[in-house]
């Protein structure tokens, strides 16, 4: 997923914890953050 919302970093961390999915990586370039998750 790509996002431009700075709050999405925390949101994806919480989403991964709540759903049991693995948050593999989050990288930011400019104002865009890539969120990589692995489904359980």
PDB file of N, CA and C in Angstrom:
ATOM      1  N   UNK A   1       0.850  -1.158   0.000  1.00  0.00           N
ATOM      2  CA  UNK A   1       0.000   0.000   0.000  1.00  0.00           C
ATOM      3  C   UNK A   1       0.895   1.218   0.000  1.00  0.00           C
ATOM      4  N   UNK A   2       0.432   2.273  -0.650  1.00  0.00           N
ATOM      5  CA  UNK A   2       1.098   3.565  -0.606  1.00  0.00           C
ATOM      6  C   UNK A   2       0.179   4.562   0.073  1.00  0.00           C
ATOM      7  N   UNK A   3       0.770   5.451   0.869  1.00  0.00           N
ATOM      8  CA  UNK A   3      -0.033   6.481   1.521  1.00  0.00           C
ATOM      9  C   UNK A   3       0.754   7.782   1.589  1.00  0.00           C
ATOM     10  N   UNK A   4       0.012   8.871   1.687  1.00  0.00           N
ATOM     11  CA  UNK A   4       0.625  10.186   1.870  1.00  0.00           C
ATOM     12  C   UNK A   4       0.237  10.789   3.209  1.00  0.00           C
ATOM     13  N   UNK A   5      -0.521  10.047   3.998  1.00  0.00           N
ATOM     14  CA  UNK A   5      -0.964  10.496   5.322  1.00  0.00           C
ATOM     15  C   UNK A   5       0.091  10.109   6.355  1.00  0.00           C
ATOM     16  N   UNK A   6       0.730  11.065   7.034  1.00  0.00           N
ATOM     17  CA  UNK A   6       1.755  10.722   8.027  1.00  0.00           C
ATOM     18  C   UNK A   6       1.232   9.832   9.157  1.00  0.00           C
ATOM     19  N   UNK A   7      -0.032   9.915   9.467  1.00  0.00           N
ATOM     20  CA  UNK A   7      -0.620   9.086  10.519  1.00  0.00           C
ATOM     21  C   UNK A   7      -0.787   7.630  10.119  1.00  0.00           C
ATOM     22  N   UNK A   8      -0.653   7.345   8.839  1.00  0.00           N
ATOM     23  CA  UNK A   8      -0.837   5.973   8.363  1.00  0.00           C
ATOM     24  C   UNK A   8       0.231   5.026   8.896  1.00  0.00           C
ATOM     25  N   UNK A   9       1.409   5.548   9.222  1.00  0.00           N
ATOM     26  CA  UNK A   9       2.470   4.691   9.775  1.00  0.00           C
ATOM     27  C   UNK A   9       1.962   4.026  11.044  1.00  0.00           C
ATOM     28  N   UNK A  10       1.440   4.797  11.951  1.00  0.00           N
ATOM     29  CA  UNK A  10       0.886   4.242  13.206  1.00  0.00           C
ATOM     30  C   UNK A  10      -0.347   3.380  12.923  1.00  0.00           C
ATOM     31  N   UNK A  11      -1.171   3.817  11.984  1.00  0.00           N
ATOM     32  CA  UNK A  11      -2.385   3.061  11.666  1.00  0.00           C
ATOM     33  C   UNK A  11      -2.061   1.662  11.156  1.00  0.00           C
ATOM     34  N   UNK A  12      -1.067   1.546  10.265  1.00  0.00           N
ATOM     35  CA  UNK A  12      -0.706   0.230   9.733  1.00  0.00           C
ATOM     36  C   UNK A  12      -0.062  -0.640  10.804  1.00  0.00           C
ATOM     37  N   UNK A  13       0.709  -0.050  11.712  1.00  0.00           N
ATOM     38  CA  UNK A  13       1.280  -0.814  12.820  1.00  0.00           C
ATOM     39  C   UNK A  13       0.165  -1.399  13.682  1.00  0.00           C
ATOM     40  N   UNK A  14      -0.825  -0.582  14.012  1.00  0.00           N
ATOM     41  CA  UNK A  14      -1.961  -1.040  14.820  1.00  0.00           C
ATOM     42  C   UNK A  14      -2.779  -2.088  14.071  1.00  0.00           C
ATOM     43  N   UNK A  15      -3.014  -1.874  12.794  1.00  0.00           N
ATOM     44  CA  UNK A  15      -3.773  -2.823  11.976  1.00  0.00           C
ATOM     45  C   UNK A  15      -3.093  -4.192  11.988  1.00  0.00           C
ATOM     46  N   UNK A  16      -1.774  -4.202  11.816  1.00  0.00           N
ATOM     47  CA  UNK A  16      -1.042  -5.474  11.797  1.00  0.00           C
ATOM     48  C   UNK A  16      -1.170  -6.188  13.145  1.00  0.00           C
ATOM     49  N   UNK A  17      -1.028  -5.450  14.238  1.00  0.00           N
ATOM     50  CA  UNK A  17      -1.168  -6.065  15.576  1.00  0.00           C
ATOM     51  C   UNK A  17      -2.565  -6.642  15.775  1.00  0.00           C
ATOM     52  N   UNK A  18      -3.579  -5.891  15.402  1.00  0.00           N
ATOM     53  CA  UNK A  18      -4.957  -6.303  15.654  1.00  0.00           C
ATOM     54  C   UNK A  18      -5.396  -7.473  14.791  1.00  0.00           C
ATOM     55  N   UNK A  19      -4.848  -7.587  13.593  1.00  0.00           N
ATOM     56  CA  UNK A  19      -5.289  -8.635  12.672  1.00  0.00           C
ATOM     57  C   UNK A  19      -4.373  -9.837  12.637  1.00  0.00           C
ATOM     58  N   UNK A  20      -3.184  -9.731  13.266  1.00  0.00           N
ATOM     59  CA  UNK A  20      -2.240 -10.841  13.241  1.00  0.00           C
ATOM     60  C   UNK A  20      -1.423 -10.906  11.967  1.00  0.00           C
ATOM     61  N   UNK A  21      -1.569  -9.924  11.096  1.00  0.00           N
ATOM     62  CA  UNK A  21      -0.753  -9.868   9.891  1.00  0.00           C
ATOM     63  C   UNK A  21       0.615  -9.299  10.245  1.00  0.00           C
ATOM     64  N   UNK A  22       1.605  -9.592   9.418  1.00  0.00           N
ATOM     65  CA  UNK A  22       2.967  -9.131   9.679  1.00  0.00           C
ATOM     66  C   UNK A  22       3.242  -7.856   8.900  1.00  0.00           C
ATOM     67  N   UNK A  23       3.675  -6.835   9.600  1.00  0.00           N
ATOM     68  CA  UNK A  23       4.114  -5.604   8.953  1.00  0.00           C
ATOM     69  C   UNK A  23       5.582  -5.803   8.609  1.00  0.00           C
ATOM     70  N   UNK A  24       5.859  -6.060   7.355  1.00  0.00           N
ATOM     71  CA  UNK A  24       7.199  -6.432   6.919  1.00  0.00           C
ATOM     72  C   UNK A  24       8.110  -5.219   6.847  1.00  0.00           C
ATOM     73  N   UNK A  25       7.585  -4.119   6.296  1.00  0.00           N
ATOM     74  CA  UNK A  25       8.448  -2.956   6.076  1.00  0.00           C
ATOM     75  C   UNK A  25       7.604  -1.711   5.849  1.00  0.00           C
ATOM     76  N   UNK A  26       8.126  -0.585   6.288  1.00  0.00           N
ATOM     77  CA  UNK A  26       7.553   0.718   5.987  1.00  0.00           C
ATOM     78  C   UNK A  26       8.713   1.627   5.583  1.00  0.00           C
ATOM     79  N   UNK A  27       8.632   2.186   4.403  1.00  0.00           N
ATOM     80  CA  UNK A  27       9.688   3.091   3.944  1.00  0.00           C
ATOM     81  C   UNK A  27       9.050   4.369   3.425  1.00  0.00           C
ATOM     82  N   UNK A  28       9.704   5.477   3.716  1.00  0.00           N
ATOM     83  CA  UNK A  28       9.189   6.776   3.304  1.00  0.00           C
ATOM     84  C   UNK A  28      10.175   7.432   2.352  1.00  0.00           C
ATOM     85  N   UNK A  29       9.610   7.944   1.269  1.00  0.00           N
ATOM     86  CA  UNK A  29      10.388   8.711   0.302  1.00  0.00           C
ATOM     87  C   UNK A  29       9.574   9.958  -0.027  1.00  0.00           C
ATOM     88  N   UNK A  30      10.128  11.111   0.308  1.00  0.00           N
ATOM     89  CA  UNK A  30       9.357  12.342   0.136  1.00  0.00           C
ATOM     90  C   UNK A  30       8.178  12.320   1.084  1.00  0.00           C
ATOM     91  N   UNK A  31       6.980  12.514   0.540  1.00  0.00           N
ATOM     92  CA  UNK A  31       5.781  12.501   1.392  1.00  0.00           C
ATOM     93  C   UNK A  31       4.960  11.224   1.205  1.00  0.00           C
ATOM     94  N   UNK A  32       5.554  10.208   0.582  1.00  0.00           N
ATOM     95  CA  UNK A  32       4.854   8.950   0.338  1.00  0.00           C
ATOM     96  C   UNK A  32       5.509   7.826   1.134  1.00  0.00           C
ATOM     97  N   UNK A  33       4.681   7.052   1.810  1.00  0.00           N
ATOM     98  CA  UNK A  33       5.167   5.911   2.579  1.00  0.00           C
ATOM     99  C   UNK A  33       4.626   4.628   1.967  1.00  0.00           C
ATOM    100  N   UNK A  34       5.516   3.653   1.790  1.00  0.00           N
ATOM    101  CA  UNK A  34       5.125   2.326   1.316  1.00  0.00           C
ATOM    102  C   UNK A  34       5.001   1.415   2.528  1.00  0.00           C
ATOM    103  N   UNK A  35       3.899   0.704   2.607  1.00  0.00           N
ATOM    104  CA  UNK A  35       3.621  -0.222   3.705  1.00  0.00           C
ATOM    105  C   UNK A  35       3.538  -1.620   3.099  1.00  0.00           C
ATOM    106  N   UNK A  36       4.384  -2.516   3.557  1.00  0.00           N
ATOM    107  CA  UNK A  36       4.388  -3.880   3.040  1.00  0.00           C
ATOM    108  C   UNK A  36       3.953  -4.818   4.156  1.00  0.00           C
ATOM    109  N   UNK A  37       2.854  -5.514   3.909  1.00  0.00           N
ATOM    110  CA  UNK A  37       2.302  -6.442   4.903  1.00  0.00           C
ATOM    111  C   UNK A  37       2.254  -7.838   4.312  1.00  0.00           C
ATOM    112  N   UNK A  38       2.361  -8.819   5.209  1.00  0.00           N
ATOM    113  CA  UNK A  38       2.209 -10.218   4.819  1.00  0.00           C
ATOM    114  C   UNK A  38       0.986 -10.754   5.545  1.00  0.00           C
ATOM    115  N   UNK A  39       0.059 -11.281   4.757  1.00  0.00           N
ATOM    116  CA  UNK A  39      -1.156 -11.851   5.355  1.00  0.00           C
ATOM    117  C   UNK A  39      -0.824 -13.113   6.115  1.00  0.00           C
ATOM    118  N   UNK A  40      -1.566 -13.340   7.175  1.00  0.00           N
ATOM    119  CA  UNK A  40      -1.341 -14.561   7.965  1.00  0.00           C
ATOM    120  C   UNK A  40      -2.039 -15.728   7.360  1.00  0.00           C
TER     121      UNK A  40
END
